[in-house]
Amino acid sequence: MKLTLKVWRQKNNADKGGFVSYPIDGISKDMSFLEMMDVLNEQLTEKGEDPVHFDHDCREGICGMCSLHINGKPHGPQQTTTCQLHMRSFSDGETITIEPWRAKAFPVVKDLVVDRSAFDRIIQAGGYVSVNTGGVPDANEIPIPKKIADEAFDAATCIGCGACVAACKNASAMLFTSAKISQLAMLPQGQVERKDRAEKMIAQMDAEGFGACTNTGACAAECPKGISLTNIARMNREYFTAAVTTENV
């Protein structure tokens, strides 16, 4: 395949940045998108030019590190992670536009790499079961209905890639935060800190500069793990219940 790559290049967060076009040839349809980027970087390195910086790690659709906005869509034309996107999804001679995630809370580090530590701080605010919640009984001693266990597991499949933020015109992190709240709110182990968790995680989400939910569902439509909008509704219930409980104390 012969392609033209229109890549966002930016030296650092203070730099204005801009698109640079790179012609590339000999790309196999069986290559992953990141393997194609590797080929581009090999060519740039051979020419003595600075390679394109982009995030990646496991390349198995698990870690959530890869984060490219491809032809106007987070992770590209398929509802999957960038590392699981293959070049057969594109046509010979096509121009592919590659950008970083666009969000105030995700500042650009360099080129296509963004700082997603805002997600880490949301988790640190309450996305855990602390050691102060009592003894840990054997898991089999706590019967959990399969429907609830399945919903909690589905929420826990969120890999924190940030596609939901990139897809939202308000750069909202509601889907990510709600998934992290839901996976614990539905299980017995998460009940002790349930109230504080919702309040603290939502407060941190707002403090990081993420926008409000647009109610358009773009986040769920682009999520590579299929996280449901139901989690946002559950998070809202958790938050309002915590607020009402606080007022009545």
Protein backbone atom coordinates (compact mmCIF):
# COMPACT_ATOMS: atom_id res chain seq x y z
CA MET A 1 0.00 0.00 0.00
CA LYS A 2 1.04 3.56 -0.72
CA LEU A 3 -0.23 6.15 1.74
CA THR A 4 0.15 9.76 2.79
CA LEU A 5 0.31 10.31 6.53
CA LYS A 6 -0.71 13.72 7.81
CA VAL A 7 0.82 13.64 11.30
CA TRP A 8 0.55 16.18 14.12
CA ARG A 9 4.06 17.24 15.23
CA GLN A 10 4.58 19.27 18.39
CA LYS A 11 7.88 19.68 20.25
CA ASN A 12 6.30 20.20 23.67
CA ASN A 13 3.21 21.56 25.39
CA ALA A 14 4.34 25.17 24.87
CA ASP A 15 4.90 24.68 21.13
CA LYS A 16 2.10 25.62 18.73
CA GLY A 17 2.49 22.44 16.68
CA GLY A 18 1.16 21.59 13.24
CA PHE A 19 0.61 18.87 10.65
CA VAL A 20 3.45 17.40 8.62
CA SER A 21 2.78 15.14 5.62
CA TYR A 22 4.83 11.99 5.07
CA PRO A 23 4.51 9.75 1.99
CA ILE A 24 4.98 6.08 2.82
CA ASP A 25 5.08 3.00 0.59
CA GLY A 26 5.29 -0.78 0.91
CA ILE A 27 2.77 -1.04 3.72
CA SER A 28 1.15 -4.46 4.09
CA LYS A 29 -2.58 -4.67 4.71
CA ASP A 30 -1.78 -7.19 7.44
CA MET A 31 0.27 -4.69 9.45
CA SER A 32 -1.22 -3.15 12.56
CA PHE A 33 -1.50 0.62 12.60
CA LEU A 34 1.33 0.89 15.12
CA GLU A 35 3.55 -1.34 12.99
CA MET A 36 2.94 1.09 10.14
CA MET A 37 4.00 3.91 12.46
CA ASP A 38 7.14 1.93 13.29
CA VAL A 39 7.95 1.76 9.58
CA LEU A 40 7.54 5.53 9.29
CA ASN A 41 9.83 6.10 12.26
CA GLU A 42 12.48 3.78 10.84
CA GLN A 43 12.49 5.84 7.65
CA LEU A 44 12.69 9.11 9.58
CA THR A 45 15.54 7.79 11.72
CA GLU A 46 17.48 6.67 8.65
CA LYS A 47 17.16 10.22 7.30
CA GLY A 48 18.41 11.67 10.59
CA GLU A 49 15.02 13.18 11.40
CA ASP A 50 13.22 13.09 14.74
CA PRO A 51 10.82 10.11 14.83
CA VAL A 52 7.15 10.60 15.63
CA HIS A 53 6.50 10.11 19.34
CA PHE A 54 3.40 8.08 20.22
CA ASP A 55 2.22 6.04 23.20
CA HIS A 56 2.14 2.24 23.15
CA ASP A 57 2.90 -0.69 25.42
CA CYS A 58 1.25 -4.12 25.29
CA ARG A 59 -0.04 -3.83 21.69
CA GLU A 60 -2.70 -6.38 22.64
CA GLY A 61 -5.65 -4.06 23.33
CA ILE A 62 -5.29 -4.41 27.10
CA CYS A 63 -3.18 -1.63 28.61
CA GLY A 64 -4.92 1.44 27.15
CA MET A 65 -1.68 3.21 26.29
CA CYS A 66 -2.19 3.66 22.54
CA SER A 67 -4.17 6.84 21.94
CA LEU A 68 -4.32 8.15 18.40
CA HIS A 69 -7.07 10.22 16.80
CA ILE A 70 -7.22 8.76 13.29
CA ASN A 71 -9.21 10.42 10.51
CA GLY A 72 -11.31 12.26 13.08
CA LYS A 73 -12.13 9.26 15.26
CA PRO A 74 -10.51 8.00 18.48
CA HIS A 75 -8.56 4.84 17.62
CA GLY A 76 -9.69 5.04 13.99
CA PRO A 77 -12.54 3.60 11.90
CA GLN A 78 -13.06 0.39 13.90
CA GLN A 79 -14.35 0.25 17.48
CA THR A 80 -11.10 -1.12 18.83
CA THR A 81 -7.81 0.11 20.25
CA THR A 82 -5.26 1.65 17.88
CA CYS A 83 -2.91 -1.30 18.35
CA GLN A 84 -5.62 -3.71 17.18
CA LEU A 85 -6.45 -1.60 14.13
CA HIS A 86 -5.01 -3.06 10.92
CA MET A 87 -4.11 -1.41 7.66
CA ARG A 88 -6.72 -3.44 5.79
CA SER A 89 -9.17 -0.87 7.17
CA PHE A 90 -7.64 1.71 4.80
CA SER A 91 -7.39 2.02 1.04
CA ASP A 92 -4.32 2.21 -1.16
CA GLY A 93 -3.49 5.85 -1.91
CA GLU A 94 -5.47 7.17 1.07
CA THR A 95 -4.42 10.15 3.17
CA ILE A 96 -4.58 9.34 6.89
CA THR A 97 -4.75 12.16 9.43
CA ILE A 98 -3.21 11.31 12.81
CA GLU A 99 -3.64 13.52 15.87
CA PRO A 100 -3.28 13.25 19.66
CA TRP A 101 -6.23 13.23 22.05
CA ARG A 102 -7.64 16.76 22.24
CA ALA A 103 -8.57 17.80 25.80
CA LYS A 104 -7.55 20.49 28.26
CA ALA A 105 -7.02 17.77 30.88
CA PHE A 106 -4.76 15.81 28.48
CA PRO A 107 -1.92 18.24 27.64
CA VAL A 108 0.37 17.25 24.78
CA VAL A 109 3.80 16.05 25.92
CA LYS A 110 5.26 15.66 22.43
CA ASP A 111 3.77 14.91 19.02
CA LEU A 112 1.04 12.30 19.62
CA VAL A 113 1.85 11.68 23.29
CA VAL A 114 -0.49 13.23 25.87
CA ASP A 115 -0.34 13.33 29.66
CA ARG A 116 -3.25 11.25 30.98
CA SER A 117 -2.23 11.41 34.64
CA ALA A 118 -5.55 13.17 35.31
CA PHE A 119 -7.12 9.71 35.15
CA ASP A 120 -4.66 8.46 37.77
CA ARG A 121 -5.59 11.28 40.12
CA ILE A 122 -9.30 10.48 39.74
CA ILE A 123 -8.56 6.87 40.76
CA GLN A 124 -6.38 8.06 43.65
CA ALA A 125 -9.32 10.16 44.90
CA GLY A 126 -11.40 7.07 45.65
CA GLY A 127 -11.31 4.35 42.99
CA TYR A 128 -10.24 1.60 45.34
CA VAL A 129 -11.23 -0.42 48.41
CA SER A 130 -8.96 0.75 51.23
CA VAL A 131 -7.34 -1.40 53.91
CA ASN A 132 -9.60 0.22 56.52
CA THR A 133 -12.78 -1.54 55.40
CA GLY A 134 -12.45 -4.50 57.77
CA GLY A 135 -11.34 -8.08 57.34
CA VAL A 136 -11.36 -9.79 53.98
CA PRO A 137 -13.68 -12.83 53.98
CA ASP A 138 -13.31 -15.62 51.50
CA ALA A 139 -14.80 -14.55 48.15
CA ASN A 140 -17.01 -17.62 47.97
CA GLU A 141 -18.69 -16.69 51.27
CA ILE A 142 -20.35 -13.62 49.70
CA PRO A 143 -23.06 -14.65 47.22
CA ILE A 144 -23.37 -12.12 44.41
CA PRO A 145 -26.13 -12.49 41.78
CA LYS A 146 -24.68 -13.26 38.36
CA LYS A 147 -26.36 -10.25 36.74
CA ILE A 148 -24.69 -7.89 39.20
CA ALA A 149 -21.35 -9.69 38.94
CA ASP A 150 -21.50 -9.45 35.14
CA GLU A 151 -22.31 -5.73 35.20
CA ALA A 152 -19.48 -5.06 37.66
CA PHE A 153 -17.09 -7.04 35.47
CA ASP A 154 -18.21 -5.16 32.35
CA ALA A 155 -17.49 -1.83 34.10
CA ALA A 156 -14.10 -3.13 35.22
CA THR A 157 -13.07 -3.80 31.61
CA CYS A 158 -12.41 -0.07 31.15
CA ILE A 159 -8.73 0.26 30.23
CA GLY A 160 -8.51 4.02 30.77
CA CYS A 161 -7.37 4.79 27.24
CA GLY A 162 -9.24 8.12 27.11
CA ALA A 163 -11.15 7.51 23.88
CA CYS A 164 -14.32 8.62 25.66
CA VAL A 165 -12.75 11.99 26.42
CA ALA A 166 -11.40 12.35 22.89
CA ALA A 167 -14.81 11.51 21.38
CA CYS A 168 -16.74 14.01 23.52
CA LYS A 169 -17.07 17.57 22.20
CA ASN A 170 -16.90 18.71 25.85
CA ALA A 171 -13.94 16.41 26.62
CA SER A 172 -15.96 14.83 29.42
CA ALA A 173 -14.55 11.97 31.53
CA MET A 174 -17.98 10.84 32.76
CA LEU A 175 -17.80 7.39 31.14
CA PHE A 176 -14.35 6.63 32.55
CA THR A 177 -15.19 7.89 36.05
CA SER A 178 -18.57 6.16 36.11
CA ALA A 179 -17.02 2.83 35.10
CA LYS A 180 -14.50 3.06 37.94
CA ILE A 181 -17.24 3.97 40.43
CA SER A 182 -19.66 1.31 39.15
CA GLN A 183 -17.25 -1.61 39.34
CA LEU A 184 -17.00 -1.11 43.11
CA ALA A 185 -20.47 0.27 43.89
CA MET A 186 -22.18 -2.96 42.82
CA LEU A 187 -20.02 -5.28 44.94
CA PRO A 188 -20.20 -5.87 48.71
CA GLN A 189 -16.54 -4.97 49.16
CA GLY A 190 -17.20 -1.48 47.82
CA GLN A 191 -20.13 -0.59 50.06
CA VAL A 192 -18.25 0.82 53.07
CA GLU A 193 -16.69 3.70 51.12
CA ARG A 194 -19.50 4.04 48.60
CA LYS A 195 -20.62 7.56 49.57
CA ASP A 196 -17.15 9.12 49.83
CA ARG A 197 -16.00 7.40 46.64
CA ALA A 198 -18.64 9.00 44.44
CA GLU A 199 -18.22 12.46 45.92
CA LYS A 200 -14.42 12.49 45.88
CA MET A 201 -13.95 10.98 42.40
CA ILE A 202 -16.46 13.35 40.80
CA ALA A 203 -14.90 16.32 42.59
CA GLN A 204 -11.47 15.32 41.29
CA MET A 205 -12.84 14.83 37.78
CA ASP A 206 -14.18 18.38 37.83
CA ALA A 207 -10.95 19.74 39.31
CA GLU A 208 -8.94 18.21 36.45
CA GLY A 209 -10.81 20.36 33.93
CA PHE A 210 -12.91 17.76 32.15
CA GLY A 211 -16.13 19.07 30.65
CA ALA A 212 -19.73 18.21 31.43
CA CYS A 213 -21.56 15.29 29.82
CA THR A 214 -23.16 16.18 26.48
CA ASN A 215 -25.71 13.32 26.64
CA THR A 216 -24.94 12.49 23.00
CA GLY A 217 -23.43 9.06 23.74
CA ALA A 218 -20.34 9.63 21.60
CA CYS A 219 -18.17 8.25 24.43
CA ALA A 220 -19.86 4.85 24.49
CA ALA A 221 -20.01 4.70 20.69
CA GLU A 222 -16.22 5.04 20.44
CA CYS A 223 -15.21 3.06 23.54
CA PRO A 224 -13.08 0.07 22.42
CA LYS A 225 -14.33 -1.97 25.39
CA GLY A 226 -18.02 -1.16 24.97
CA ILE A 227 -18.49 0.52 28.35
CA SER A 228 -22.20 1.29 28.68
CA LEU A 229 -23.87 4.66 29.30
CA THR A 230 -25.74 2.87 32.09
CA ASN A 231 -22.65 3.46 34.22
CA ILE A 232 -23.08 7.23 33.93
CA ALA A 233 -26.67 6.93 35.14
CA ARG A 234 -25.47 4.77 38.04
CA MET A 235 -22.75 7.29 38.93
CA ASN A 236 -25.33 10.09 39.02
CA ARG A 237 -27.48 8.03 41.37
CA GLU A 238 -24.48 7.31 43.58
CA TYR A 239 -23.61 11.01 43.72
CA PHE A 240 -27.13 12.25 44.45
CA THR A 241 -27.66 9.54 47.07
CA ALA A 242 -24.42 10.57 48.77
CA ALA A 243 -25.48 14.23 48.67
CA VAL A 244 -28.90 13.50 50.17
CA THR A 245 -27.34 11.32 52.88
CA THR A 246 -24.95 14.12 53.78
CA GLU A 247 -27.78 16.68 54.03
CA ASN A 248 -29.79 14.40 56.34
CA VAL A 249 -26.91 13.78 58.74
